[in-house]
Amino acid sequence: MKIYKVKVNGKLYEVELESVEENNESIQKPNQTTNKPTKSTSGKTIKSPMQGTIQKVLVQAGQEVKKGDSVLILEAMKLENDITADQDYKVIDILVKEGDTVDNDQALIRVE
């Protein structure tokens, strides 16, 4: 019987295994960029303030939005959060779609 220490999401666990088959392959970390939409590199963007799931996109490309207008709904920790424009903008491109999972500080909407 062997005891291993395993770190998962920053928390350390002790795992006790009765039988272990040894091999020479190393454990690889999963590709952390998988399923992460590419961030826009040109123009100004409205970014996600937190990690979550896009519930509803409330604007379309070409639409004018005013400061304080809701541009999309982001669900995080079972709460719906209105993501709003911090100033008057014209929407250039929507970088996400409903159902997408987004990370903190990820570009959501390209504006000018």
N, C-alpha and C. Protein backbone atom coordinates (compact mmCIF):
# COMPACT_ATOMS: atom_id res chain seq x y z
N MET A 1 0.84 -1.16 0.00
CA MET A 1 0.00 0.00 0.00
C MET A 1 0.90 1.24 0.00
N LYS A 2 0.54 2.24 -0.85
CA LYS A 2 1.32 3.46 -0.95
C LYS A 2 0.42 4.66 -0.70
N ILE A 3 1.00 5.68 -0.11
CA ILE A 3 0.27 6.93 0.13
C ILE A 3 0.92 8.00 -0.75
N TYR A 4 0.07 8.68 -1.53
CA TYR A 4 0.53 9.75 -2.41
C TYR A 4 -0.14 11.05 -1.99
N LYS A 5 0.55 12.14 -2.21
CA LYS A 5 -0.04 13.46 -2.01
C LYS A 5 -0.39 14.02 -3.38
N VAL A 6 -1.64 14.46 -3.54
CA VAL A 6 -2.14 14.96 -4.81
C VAL A 6 -2.70 16.35 -4.58
N LYS A 7 -2.33 17.29 -5.44
CA LYS A 7 -2.84 18.65 -5.34
C LYS A 7 -3.88 18.86 -6.44
N VAL A 8 -5.10 19.22 -6.03
CA VAL A 8 -6.20 19.44 -6.97
C VAL A 8 -6.78 20.83 -6.69
N ASN A 9 -6.74 21.70 -7.70
CA ASN A 9 -7.24 23.07 -7.58
C ASN A 9 -6.68 23.76 -6.34
N GLY A 10 -5.40 23.55 -6.07
CA GLY A 10 -4.75 24.23 -4.97
C GLY A 10 -4.93 23.58 -3.62
N LYS A 11 -5.72 22.52 -3.52
CA LYS A 11 -5.95 21.84 -2.25
C LYS A 11 -5.20 20.51 -2.25
N LEU A 12 -4.47 20.23 -1.16
CA LEU A 12 -3.66 19.04 -1.05
C LEU A 12 -4.46 17.89 -0.45
N TYR A 13 -4.43 16.73 -1.10
CA TYR A 13 -5.12 15.53 -0.63
C TYR A 13 -4.11 14.40 -0.49
N GLU A 14 -4.33 13.54 0.49
CA GLU A 14 -3.55 12.32 0.62
C GLU A 14 -4.39 11.18 0.07
N VAL A 15 -3.79 10.41 -0.84
CA VAL A 15 -4.49 9.31 -1.49
C VAL A 15 -3.74 8.02 -1.17
N GLU A 16 -4.47 7.03 -0.70
CA GLU A 16 -3.88 5.75 -0.34
C GLU A 16 -4.28 4.73 -1.41
N LEU A 17 -3.26 4.12 -2.05
CA LEU A 17 -3.52 3.17 -3.12
C LEU A 17 -3.01 1.79 -2.72
N GLU A 18 -3.82 0.77 -2.99
CA GLU A 18 -3.43 -0.60 -2.66
C GLU A 18 -2.48 -1.17 -3.70
N SER A 19 -2.73 -0.84 -4.98
CA SER A 19 -1.91 -1.40 -6.04
C SER A 19 -1.63 -0.31 -7.07
N VAL A 20 -0.39 -0.22 -7.48
CA VAL A 20 -0.02 0.77 -8.47
C VAL A 20 0.81 0.10 -9.55
N GLU A 21 0.40 0.30 -10.80
CA GLU A 21 1.19 -0.21 -11.91
C GLU A 21 2.13 0.90 -12.34
N GLU A 22 3.41 0.64 -12.29
CA GLU A 22 4.41 1.64 -12.64
C GLU A 22 4.61 1.66 -14.15
N ASN A 23 4.82 2.86 -14.68
CA ASN A 23 5.23 3.01 -16.07
C ASN A 23 6.16 4.21 -16.16
N ASN A 24 6.80 4.38 -17.28
CA ASN A 24 7.79 5.44 -17.42
C ASN A 24 7.20 6.74 -17.97
N GLU A 25 5.91 6.77 -18.21
CA GLU A 25 5.29 7.98 -18.73
C GLU A 25 5.02 8.95 -17.59
N SER A 26 5.17 10.21 -17.86
CA SER A 26 4.89 11.21 -16.83
C SER A 26 3.45 11.69 -16.99
N ILE A 27 2.91 12.19 -15.91
CA ILE A 27 1.55 12.73 -15.94
C ILE A 27 1.63 14.12 -16.54
N GLN A 28 0.80 14.38 -17.52
CA GLN A 28 0.81 15.66 -18.19
C GLN A 28 -0.37 16.50 -17.70
N LYS A 29 -0.14 17.80 -17.57
CA LYS A 29 -1.21 18.71 -17.21
C LYS A 29 -2.09 18.89 -18.44
N PRO A 30 -3.40 19.01 -18.24
CA PRO A 30 -4.27 19.23 -19.39
C PRO A 30 -3.96 20.59 -20.02
N ASN A 31 -4.21 20.67 -21.31
CA ASN A 31 -3.99 21.93 -22.02
C ASN A 31 -4.96 22.97 -21.47
N GLN A 32 -4.46 23.98 -20.83
CA GLN A 32 -5.31 24.95 -20.14
C GLN A 32 -5.94 25.96 -21.10
N THR A 33 -5.52 25.97 -22.37
CA THR A 33 -6.11 26.91 -23.31
C THR A 33 -7.26 26.29 -24.10
N THR A 34 -7.54 25.01 -23.90
CA THR A 34 -8.62 24.35 -24.61
C THR A 34 -9.96 25.00 -24.24
N ASN A 35 -10.82 25.19 -25.22
CA ASN A 35 -12.15 25.77 -25.04
C ASN A 35 -12.12 27.22 -24.58
N LYS A 36 -11.00 27.87 -24.69
CA LYS A 36 -10.92 29.27 -24.29
C LYS A 36 -10.94 30.11 -25.56
N PRO A 37 -12.02 30.85 -25.80
CA PRO A 37 -12.07 31.66 -27.01
C PRO A 37 -10.91 32.65 -27.07
N THR A 38 -10.46 32.94 -28.27
CA THR A 38 -9.37 33.87 -28.46
C THR A 38 -9.81 35.27 -28.10
N LYS A 39 -8.98 35.96 -27.36
CA LYS A 39 -9.29 37.34 -26.99
C LYS A 39 -9.01 38.24 -28.19
N SER A 40 -9.81 39.27 -28.30
CA SER A 40 -9.63 40.24 -29.38
C SER A 40 -8.35 41.03 -29.15
N THR A 41 -7.61 41.28 -30.22
CA THR A 41 -6.37 42.03 -30.07
C THR A 41 -6.50 43.45 -30.59
N SER A 42 -7.62 43.78 -31.23
CA SER A 42 -7.77 45.14 -31.75
C SER A 42 -9.03 45.77 -31.19
N GLY A 43 -8.96 47.08 -30.95
CA GLY A 43 -10.11 47.81 -30.45
C GLY A 43 -10.36 47.59 -28.97
N LYS A 44 -11.36 48.28 -28.46
CA LYS A 44 -11.74 48.18 -27.05
C LYS A 44 -12.73 47.04 -26.89
N THR A 45 -12.66 46.37 -25.73
CA THR A 45 -13.58 45.28 -25.47
C THR A 45 -14.24 45.43 -24.12
N ILE A 46 -15.43 44.86 -24.01
CA ILE A 46 -16.09 44.70 -22.72
C ILE A 46 -15.69 43.32 -22.25
N LYS A 47 -15.10 43.25 -21.04
CA LYS A 47 -14.54 42.00 -20.54
C LYS A 47 -15.38 41.43 -19.41
N SER A 48 -15.25 40.14 -19.22
CA SER A 48 -15.95 39.46 -18.14
C SER A 48 -15.32 39.81 -16.80
N PRO A 49 -16.15 40.22 -15.82
CA PRO A 49 -15.61 40.54 -14.51
C PRO A 49 -15.37 39.30 -13.65
N MET A 50 -15.85 38.15 -14.13
CA MET A 50 -15.72 36.91 -13.36
C MET A 50 -15.89 35.72 -14.28
N GLN A 51 -15.57 34.56 -13.77
CA GLN A 51 -15.75 33.31 -14.51
C GLN A 51 -17.23 32.94 -14.45
N GLY A 52 -17.77 32.42 -15.54
CA GLY A 52 -19.17 32.03 -15.55
C GLY A 52 -19.61 31.52 -16.91
N THR A 53 -20.94 31.46 -17.09
CA THR A 53 -21.54 30.97 -18.32
C THR A 53 -22.44 32.06 -18.90
N ILE A 54 -22.32 32.30 -20.20
CA ILE A 54 -23.15 33.29 -20.87
C ILE A 54 -24.58 32.75 -20.96
N GLN A 55 -25.52 33.45 -20.34
CA GLN A 55 -26.93 33.04 -20.37
C GLN A 55 -27.68 33.69 -21.53
N LYS A 56 -27.41 34.98 -21.77
CA LYS A 56 -28.13 35.67 -22.82
C LYS A 56 -27.31 36.85 -23.32
N VAL A 57 -27.23 36.98 -24.64
CA VAL A 57 -26.58 38.15 -25.26
C VAL A 57 -27.70 39.12 -25.61
N LEU A 58 -27.60 40.36 -25.12
CA LEU A 58 -28.69 41.33 -25.26
C LEU A 58 -28.46 42.37 -26.35
N VAL A 59 -27.32 42.31 -27.04
CA VAL A 59 -26.99 43.28 -28.08
C VAL A 59 -26.62 42.57 -29.37
N GLN A 60 -26.57 43.35 -30.46
CA GLN A 60 -26.17 42.83 -31.76
C GLN A 60 -25.08 43.71 -32.34
N ALA A 61 -24.29 43.17 -33.25
CA ALA A 61 -23.26 43.95 -33.92
C ALA A 61 -23.91 45.13 -34.63
N GLY A 62 -23.29 46.31 -34.50
CA GLY A 62 -23.81 47.52 -35.11
C GLY A 62 -24.71 48.33 -34.19
N GLN A 63 -25.13 47.76 -33.09
CA GLN A 63 -26.05 48.43 -32.16
C GLN A 63 -25.30 49.48 -31.33
N GLU A 64 -25.96 50.60 -31.06
CA GLU A 64 -25.42 51.63 -30.18
C GLU A 64 -25.91 51.32 -28.76
N VAL A 65 -25.01 51.38 -27.79
CA VAL A 65 -25.39 51.19 -26.39
C VAL A 65 -24.96 52.41 -25.59
N LYS A 66 -25.72 52.71 -24.56
CA LYS A 66 -25.43 53.84 -23.68
C LYS A 66 -24.80 53.34 -22.39
N LYS A 67 -24.09 54.21 -21.71
CA LYS A 67 -23.48 53.87 -20.43
C LYS A 67 -24.56 53.30 -19.50
N GLY A 68 -24.29 52.13 -18.91
CA GLY A 68 -25.23 51.50 -17.98
C GLY A 68 -26.16 50.50 -18.63
N ASP A 69 -26.23 50.47 -19.97
CA ASP A 69 -27.08 49.50 -20.66
C ASP A 69 -26.53 48.08 -20.45
N SER A 70 -27.42 47.12 -20.22
CA SER A 70 -27.02 45.72 -20.11
C SER A 70 -26.68 45.20 -21.50
N VAL A 71 -25.53 44.52 -21.62
CA VAL A 71 -25.13 43.97 -22.91
C VAL A 71 -25.25 42.44 -22.94
N LEU A 72 -25.14 41.81 -21.76
CA LEU A 72 -25.37 40.37 -21.67
C LEU A 72 -25.60 39.95 -20.23
N ILE A 73 -26.08 38.72 -20.06
CA ILE A 73 -26.31 38.13 -18.74
C ILE A 73 -25.30 37.01 -18.56
N LEU A 74 -24.56 37.07 -17.45
CA LEU A 74 -23.54 36.08 -17.12
C LEU A 74 -23.93 35.38 -15.83
N GLU A 75 -24.05 34.05 -15.89
CA GLU A 75 -24.36 33.29 -14.68
C GLU A 75 -23.06 32.86 -14.02
N ALA A 76 -22.95 33.19 -12.73
CA ALA A 76 -21.78 32.79 -11.95
C ALA A 76 -22.26 32.42 -10.56
N MET A 77 -21.91 31.23 -10.11
CA MET A 77 -22.28 30.73 -8.80
C MET A 77 -23.80 30.80 -8.58
N LYS A 78 -24.54 30.36 -9.59
CA LYS A 78 -26.00 30.27 -9.55
C LYS A 78 -26.70 31.64 -9.51
N LEU A 79 -25.96 32.71 -9.75
CA LEU A 79 -26.55 34.05 -9.79
C LEU A 79 -26.42 34.62 -11.19
N GLU A 80 -27.45 35.34 -11.64
CA GLU A 80 -27.40 36.01 -12.93
C GLU A 80 -26.86 37.42 -12.72
N ASN A 81 -25.84 37.78 -13.49
CA ASN A 81 -25.20 39.08 -13.37
C ASN A 81 -25.35 39.85 -14.67
N ASP A 82 -25.87 41.08 -14.59
CA ASP A 82 -25.94 41.95 -15.76
C ASP A 82 -24.57 42.52 -16.03
N ILE A 83 -24.06 42.33 -17.23
CA ILE A 83 -22.82 42.96 -17.65
C ILE A 83 -23.22 44.20 -18.42
N THR A 84 -22.75 45.36 -17.97
CA THR A 84 -23.20 46.63 -18.54
C THR A 84 -22.05 47.38 -19.21
N ALA A 85 -22.43 48.30 -20.09
CA ALA A 85 -21.45 49.16 -20.76
C ALA A 85 -20.99 50.23 -19.78
N ASP A 86 -19.67 50.47 -19.72
CA ASP A 86 -19.15 51.48 -18.80
C ASP A 86 -19.14 52.88 -19.41
N GLN A 87 -19.50 52.97 -20.70
CA GLN A 87 -19.67 54.25 -21.39
C GLN A 87 -20.46 54.00 -22.67
N ASP A 88 -20.75 55.05 -23.43
CA ASP A 88 -21.47 54.89 -24.69
C ASP A 88 -20.56 54.22 -25.71
N TYR A 89 -21.10 53.23 -26.42
CA TYR A 89 -20.33 52.47 -27.41
C TYR A 89 -21.18 52.13 -28.61
N LYS A 90 -20.48 51.74 -29.67
CA LYS A 90 -21.10 51.05 -30.80
C LYS A 90 -20.53 49.64 -30.78
N VAL A 91 -21.41 48.63 -30.80
CA VAL A 91 -20.98 47.24 -30.77
C VAL A 91 -20.43 46.87 -32.15
N ILE A 92 -19.19 46.37 -32.16
CA ILE A 92 -18.54 45.96 -33.41
C ILE A 92 -18.72 44.46 -33.64
N ASP A 93 -18.48 43.67 -32.60
CA ASP A 93 -18.52 42.21 -32.75
C ASP A 93 -18.86 41.56 -31.41
N ILE A 94 -19.63 40.50 -31.45
CA ILE A 94 -19.93 39.69 -30.27
C ILE A 94 -18.95 38.51 -30.30
N LEU A 95 -18.13 38.39 -29.25
CA LEU A 95 -17.07 37.38 -29.23
C LEU A 95 -17.49 36.08 -28.54
N VAL A 96 -18.70 36.04 -27.96
CA VAL A 96 -19.20 34.85 -27.27
C VAL A 96 -20.62 34.58 -27.72
N LYS A 97 -21.10 33.39 -27.36
CA LYS A 97 -22.50 33.05 -27.65
C LYS A 97 -23.12 32.44 -26.40
N GLU A 98 -24.44 32.37 -26.39
CA GLU A 98 -25.14 31.80 -25.24
C GLU A 98 -24.67 30.37 -24.99
N GLY A 99 -24.39 30.06 -23.71
CA GLY A 99 -23.91 28.74 -23.33
C GLY A 99 -22.40 28.65 -23.20
N ASP A 100 -21.67 29.65 -23.72
CA ASP A 100 -20.21 29.64 -23.60
C ASP A 100 -19.78 29.83 -22.15
N THR A 101 -18.73 29.14 -21.77
CA THR A 101 -18.10 29.35 -20.47
C THR A 101 -16.96 30.32 -20.67
N VAL A 102 -16.90 31.35 -19.82
CA VAL A 102 -15.87 32.37 -19.97
C VAL A 102 -15.05 32.49 -18.69
N ASP A 103 -13.84 32.99 -18.85
CA ASP A 103 -12.94 33.21 -17.73
C ASP A 103 -12.97 34.66 -17.30
N ASN A 104 -12.45 34.92 -16.11
CA ASN A 104 -12.30 36.28 -15.62
C ASN A 104 -11.43 37.07 -16.59
N ASP A 105 -11.84 38.29 -16.91
CA ASP A 105 -11.09 39.20 -17.77
C ASP A 105 -11.03 38.77 -19.24
N GLN A 106 -11.93 37.88 -19.64
CA GLN A 106 -11.99 37.46 -21.04
C GLN A 106 -12.82 38.46 -21.84
N ALA A 107 -12.37 38.80 -23.05
CA ALA A 107 -13.11 39.71 -23.91
C ALA A 107 -14.43 39.09 -24.32
N LEU A 108 -15.52 39.84 -24.17
CA LEU A 108 -16.85 39.34 -24.51
C LEU A 108 -17.42 40.02 -25.75
N ILE A 109 -17.26 41.34 -25.81
CA ILE A 109 -17.82 42.14 -26.89
C ILE A 109 -16.80 43.18 -27.32
N ARG A 110 -16.57 43.28 -28.64
CA ARG A 110 -15.66 44.30 -29.17
C ARG A 110 -16.48 45.54 -29.49
N VAL A 111 -16.02 46.70 -29.04
CA VAL A 111 -16.77 47.95 -29.20
C VAL A 111 -15.84 49.06 -29.70
N GLU A 112 -16.47 50.16 -30.14
CA GLU A 112 -15.69 51.36 -30.47
C GLU A 112 -16.39 52.57 -29.91
